[in-house]
Protein backbone atom coordinates (compact mmCIF):
# COMPACT_ATOMS: atom_id res chain seq x y z
CA MET A 1 45.75 38.73 -9.24
CA ILE A 2 43.41 41.58 -8.39
CA THR A 3 45.07 44.96 -7.88
CA LEU A 4 43.25 48.06 -6.64
CA VAL A 5 45.10 51.37 -6.53
CA PHE A 6 43.94 54.88 -5.78
CA ASP A 7 45.42 58.31 -5.31
CA THR A 8 44.03 61.38 -3.57
CA CYS A 9 47.22 63.46 -3.40
CA PHE A 10 47.04 65.29 -6.73
CA ASN A 11 44.60 67.85 -8.15
CA LYS A 12 42.11 65.07 -8.80
CA SER A 13 41.66 61.56 -7.46
CA TYR A 14 41.81 58.39 -9.50
CA ILE A 15 40.97 54.72 -9.00
CA TYR A 16 42.39 51.88 -11.06
CA LEU A 17 41.34 48.23 -10.92
CA LYS A 18 43.27 45.48 -12.67
CA ILE A 19 42.24 41.82 -12.74
CA ASP A 20 44.77 39.29 -14.04
CA ASN A 21 46.75 41.95 -15.94
CA LYS A 22 43.60 43.24 -17.63
CA ILE A 23 42.47 46.82 -17.02
CA ASN A 24 38.90 46.67 -15.77
CA VAL A 25 38.47 50.20 -14.43
CA SER A 26 40.39 53.47 -14.78
CA LYS A 27 38.41 56.35 -13.30
CA SER A 28 39.21 59.95 -12.36
CA LEU A 29 37.33 61.88 -9.68
CA ILE A 30 37.07 65.65 -9.97
CA SER A 31 35.95 68.17 -7.35
CA ASP A 32 32.66 69.99 -7.79
CA ASP A 33 31.04 72.99 -6.10
CA LYS A 34 29.86 70.92 -3.14
CA ASN A 35 32.52 68.30 -2.49
CA TYR A 36 36.28 67.89 -2.76
CA HIS A 37 37.23 64.91 -4.91
CA THR A 38 38.33 62.82 -1.89
CA ALA A 39 34.70 62.74 -0.75
CA TYR A 40 33.85 60.49 -3.69
CA LEU A 41 36.55 57.87 -3.05
CA ILE A 42 34.75 55.38 -0.80
CA PRO A 43 31.43 55.42 -2.73
CA GLN A 44 33.31 54.98 -6.01
CA ILE A 45 35.39 52.06 -4.69
CA CYS A 46 32.19 50.36 -3.50
CA GLU A 47 30.52 50.94 -6.85
CA ILE A 48 33.52 49.64 -8.82
CA LEU A 49 33.72 46.47 -6.74
CA LYS A 50 29.98 45.90 -7.09
CA GLU A 51 30.08 46.39 -10.88
CA ASN A 52 32.86 43.81 -11.12
CA LYS A 53 31.13 41.37 -8.73
CA LEU A 54 33.95 41.65 -6.22
CA PHE A 55 34.22 41.98 -2.46
CA VAL A 56 37.05 43.71 -0.61
CA LYS A 57 38.34 40.30 0.52
CA ASP A 58 38.86 39.34 -3.15
CA ILE A 59 41.56 42.02 -3.61
CA ASP A 60 45.15 40.74 -3.49
CA VAL A 61 47.00 44.04 -3.23
CA ILE A 62 46.18 47.71 -2.68
CA GLY A 63 48.41 50.53 -3.87
CA VAL A 64 48.20 54.12 -2.65
CA ASN A 65 50.05 57.39 -3.14
CA ILE A 66 51.64 58.39 0.18
CA GLY A 67 52.57 61.96 -0.87
CA PRO A 68 53.76 64.58 -0.98
CA GLY A 69 50.68 66.46 -2.04
CA SER A 70 47.54 67.77 -0.43
CA PHE A 71 47.76 67.07 3.32
CA THR A 72 44.03 66.33 3.36
CA GLY A 73 44.40 64.08 0.32
CA ILE A 74 47.32 62.16 1.81
CA ARG A 75 45.43 61.50 5.04
CA ALA A 76 42.20 60.53 3.27
CA GLY A 77 43.72 58.11 0.79
CA LEU A 78 46.16 56.47 3.18
CA THR A 79 43.57 56.07 5.94
CA ILE A 80 41.16 54.30 3.59
CA ALA A 81 43.96 52.11 2.20
CA ARG A 82 45.20 51.14 5.67
CA VAL A 83 41.70 50.31 6.95
CA LEU A 84 40.90 48.12 3.93
CA SER A 85 44.28 46.40 4.14
CA GLN A 86 44.01 45.77 7.88
CA GLN A 87 40.41 44.56 7.92
CA ALA A 88 40.73 42.23 4.92
CA ASN A 89 44.39 41.23 5.41
CA ILE A 90 45.43 42.64 2.03
CA LYS A 91 48.96 43.62 1.03
CA LEU A 92 49.44 47.40 0.98
CA VAL A 93 52.06 49.11 -1.18
CA GLY A 94 52.88 52.76 -0.68
CA VAL A 95 54.22 54.78 -3.63
CA ASN A 96 55.33 58.39 -3.47
CA SER A 97 54.22 61.14 -5.84
CA PHE A 98 57.67 61.48 -7.40
CA GLU A 99 57.75 57.82 -8.45
CA ILE A 100 54.37 58.23 -10.14
CA LEU A 101 55.13 61.54 -11.88
CA SER A 102 58.52 60.30 -13.11
CA LYS A 103 56.64 57.88 -15.39
CA ILE A 104 55.54 60.85 -17.50
CA ASN A 105 59.08 61.20 -18.86
CA ASN A 106 59.48 58.81 -21.79
CA THR A 107 62.58 60.57 -23.11
CA GLU A 108 66.27 59.95 -22.46
CA LYS A 109 66.54 63.20 -20.52
CA ARG A 110 67.10 63.30 -16.77
CA THR A 111 63.90 63.75 -14.79
CA ILE A 112 63.41 66.65 -12.41
CA ILE A 113 60.18 66.95 -10.43
CA ALA A 114 59.30 70.13 -8.56
CA LEU A 115 56.04 70.71 -6.69
CA ASP A 116 54.90 73.77 -4.81
CA ALA A 117 55.34 73.36 -1.03
CA ARG A 118 54.27 76.95 -0.28
CA LYS A 119 56.20 79.43 1.87
CA LYS A 120 58.74 79.84 -0.97
CA MET A 121 59.69 76.14 -0.76
CA VAL A 122 59.57 73.31 -3.31
CA TYR A 123 59.23 69.53 -3.01
CA PHE A 124 62.06 68.22 -5.17
CA SER A 125 63.21 64.83 -6.50
CA ASP A 126 63.82 62.86 -9.69
CA GLY A 127 61.58 59.99 -8.59
CA ILE A 128 64.42 57.47 -8.43
CA LEU A 129 67.88 58.56 -7.28
CA ILE A 130 67.38 61.91 -5.56
CA LYS A 131 65.71 61.48 -2.18
CA PRO A 132 62.47 63.51 -1.91
CA GLN A 133 63.40 66.73 -0.18
CA LEU A 134 62.47 70.34 0.48
CA ILE A 135 64.48 73.07 -1.22
CA GLN A 136 64.27 76.84 -1.50
CA LYS A 137 62.13 77.93 -4.44
CA ASP A 138 64.78 80.45 -5.52
CA SER A 139 67.40 77.68 -5.77
CA LEU A 140 65.33 75.43 -8.07
CA LYS A 141 66.74 76.94 -11.26
CA ASP A 142 70.25 75.88 -10.19
CA TYR A 143 69.26 72.21 -10.54
CA ILE A 144 67.89 72.55 -14.09
CA ASP A 145 69.85 72.39 -17.34
CA ASP A 146 69.15 71.56 -20.99
CA ASP A 147 69.42 67.83 -20.29
CA CYS A 148 66.47 67.88 -17.86
CA PHE A 149 62.85 66.89 -18.40
CA VAL A 150 61.10 69.05 -15.80
CA ILE A 151 57.72 68.01 -14.35
CA THR A 152 55.82 70.49 -12.19
CA ASP A 153 52.44 71.53 -10.90
CA SER A 154 50.68 74.66 -12.21
CA SER A 155 52.26 77.01 -9.68
CA ILE A 156 55.88 75.97 -10.29
CA ASN A 157 55.21 75.72 -14.02
CA LEU A 158 54.26 79.41 -14.06
CA TYR A 159 57.22 80.34 -11.85
CA LEU A 160 59.70 78.62 -14.21
CA LYS A 161 57.96 79.97 -17.30
CA GLU A 162 58.51 83.50 -16.04
CA ALA A 163 62.20 82.61 -15.69
CA GLY A 164 62.32 81.33 -19.29
CA ILE A 165 62.43 77.64 -18.33
CA ASN A 166 60.06 75.13 -19.90
CA SER A 167 58.39 72.45 -17.82
CA LEU A 168 55.49 70.03 -18.20
CA CYS A 169 52.62 70.66 -15.80
CA TYR A 170 51.28 67.27 -14.73
CA GLU A 171 47.84 68.84 -14.16
CA ASP A 172 47.58 69.44 -17.91
CA CYS A 173 48.76 65.93 -18.76
CA SER A 174 46.34 63.29 -20.10
CA CYS A 175 48.48 60.41 -18.82
CA ASP A 176 46.83 57.44 -17.09
CA PHE A 177 48.27 57.95 -13.61
CA GLY A 178 46.33 54.95 -12.34
CA LYS A 179 48.26 52.71 -14.70
CA PHE A 180 51.51 54.32 -13.60
CA LEU A 181 50.69 53.60 -9.95
CA SER A 182 49.56 50.06 -10.70
CA ASP A 183 52.73 49.30 -12.68
CA ILE A 184 54.93 50.60 -9.85
CA VAL A 185 53.01 48.52 -7.30
CA ASN A 186 53.47 45.35 -9.34
CA CYS A 187 57.16 46.16 -9.82
CA LYS A 188 57.65 46.53 -6.06
CA LEU A 189 55.88 43.22 -5.42
CA THR A 190 58.25 41.51 -7.85
CA ASN A 191 61.46 43.20 -6.75
CA GLU A 192 60.88 43.04 -2.99
CA PRO A 193 60.02 39.36 -2.35
CA ASP A 194 60.99 39.57 1.35
CA ASN A 195 58.66 42.49 2.03
CA ASP A 196 55.34 41.48 3.59
CA PHE A 197 53.79 44.85 2.63
CA HIS A 198 52.01 45.08 5.96
CA TRP A 199 49.60 48.00 6.31
CA ALA A 200 51.28 49.28 9.48
CA LYS A 201 54.55 49.87 7.61
CA VAL A 202 53.03 52.30 5.12
CA LYS A 203 53.46 55.86 6.36
CA PRO A 204 52.62 59.25 4.82
CA LEU A 205 55.43 61.16 3.10
CA TYR A 206 54.86 64.71 4.24
CA ILE A 207 58.52 65.89 3.93
CA GLN A 208 57.39 68.88 5.96
CA GLU A 209 54.90 68.34 8.74
CA PRO A 210 51.38 69.73 8.20
CA SER A 211 50.75 72.94 10.07
CA ILE A 212 48.66 72.59 13.19
CA THR A 213 46.16 75.29 13.94
CA LYS A 214 46.48 76.28 17.58
CA PRO A 215 43.30 77.12 19.49
CA LYS A 216 42.77 80.82 20.01
CA THR A 217 43.42 82.15 23.48
CA VAL A 218 40.23 83.21 25.14
CA ILE A 219 40.61 86.35 27.24
CA ARG A 220 38.25 86.41 30.17
């Protein structure tokens, strides 16, 4: 089976290609002075397929992070995934950010994941049992105790550090997030045999809707 997964929701993008349970490609894409990392996604996918003598139609399943995260990143990654899945009739599996980040915790402690949602709000979940939700930033500390393994982004990491609470910033982590995403995709394929994983069923997980810039009123 050929599995292609990619993620554009975090601080950098990554692409992961697995052929018959063998890792063929694990690549991260980082922003530069001219382009945001999502701009590299399509060219890199094309290059990876070419290097491995594959066509899009050869892929059996695509996995993509559906958020939360960068609104631009969510839209970019999911749009590309849906187009590829639709045009080549490929199964599409959506995985949320909390499921991916929860894989960082290899301890027995309970996982808590908190990501900055701006406007004094936090995206909050444990990746498994607690439904992804929006909570007040000031209330976050009430959910954390000594039995928690706390995973955050850089902003929330600093906020908790100032409150004397330790957390692991995923942006500083050297984990292979592509492998995490690929493993979750394969697990969903195995555990959900009645799911056809149709592209139209995979929706973005915004939790809060992206703000819409209203056109300025022109005074004549």
